[in-house]
Amino acid sequence: MKSIIVGTDGSENSIAAARWASGLAARSGARLTVVYSWQPSQAELPPDAYEKEAEEAQASVEKWCREVGDLQGEVECVARDGDAIDILMAEYELQDADLLVVGRRGVGGFRGLVLGSIADYMLHHGPEHTAIVPDEVDTPGSGPVLAGVDGSGDSVETLRWAAQLAADAGREVQAIFTYDPREDSFPHPPRPHRHEAEARAALTEVAGTAAVPLELEVVAGNPTEVLMSRALEVGAIAVVVGARGHHTLRHRSVGHVAGQLAHHCPAPIVVVRHQD
């Protein structure tokens, strides 16, 4: 990876997300940009007043960067005037970044909401690679990168990105294909699931150029539950999944598995969006 963008608003979760991103940047040698978006107190401010508020915003993001801790490598802490979503997306495109990182909840999150508005937007409409970091995580785990694959259109890019992340972080990849054994109740001899061949084909396509070994593990069970349980068991650095799966309705921007993991996974998830 060359560039990581992380959004912060001073909340505990956003500081934790910045720590996770910082740890990942230190391992991969990527440039880290910590971004705070602020809004002027009035629609039209005199130049002097605007300049004062801009300086205060910059001082705030620099303070939060100090709270992150030992920032290693190339790090920039910036305050931008504008809507948080627009600012983060623009910074990602400007730097041609490899990963956008946000916390699961921000400073304005309602107590009953699991996913904040910024994370929810990025889950559904974010860039190619978006990481959502849960509240309880502030450093990269010591375990492998998990890659959830189902043979759908996002599987090749999911595996390719998981392999790159693992190589950058000095970890291995555990690629997991899950299936529900109850979906076919007609008795028959044991046989591969109908999408397993597609998942194996995706892995074969990526394995030839991957910097780390790739093998596919086939597990019977609910995909979300299997990936969450495994992430907790092995201390996964991240769980990488495609935005859409085989059963995602055409009009939906994100599938059930990615959505459930974004809300409940104990490890950071990286949502990979296939670009047509």
Foldseek 3Di string as FASTA:
>chain_A
DAEEEAEADPDLQSLLQLLAVQQLCVLQVYAYEYEYEDEDPDPDDPPVSVVVVLVVQQVVQVVSVVVSPDRDHHYHYHYHYDDPLVVQQVVCVVVVHDEYEYEQAHPPDDPPDLGHPNLVCCLQPNDQKYKYFYSVHRHFFPAAEEEEDQLDPCLLVLVLVSLVSCVSNVYAYAYEYEDAPVPDVDDDPDDDDPRVVSNVVSQVVRQVPGPHHDDYDYYYDDRQVVVLVVCVVGVHSEYEYEQDDPPDDPPGRGDDNSVVCSRDRNHMYMYGYDDD
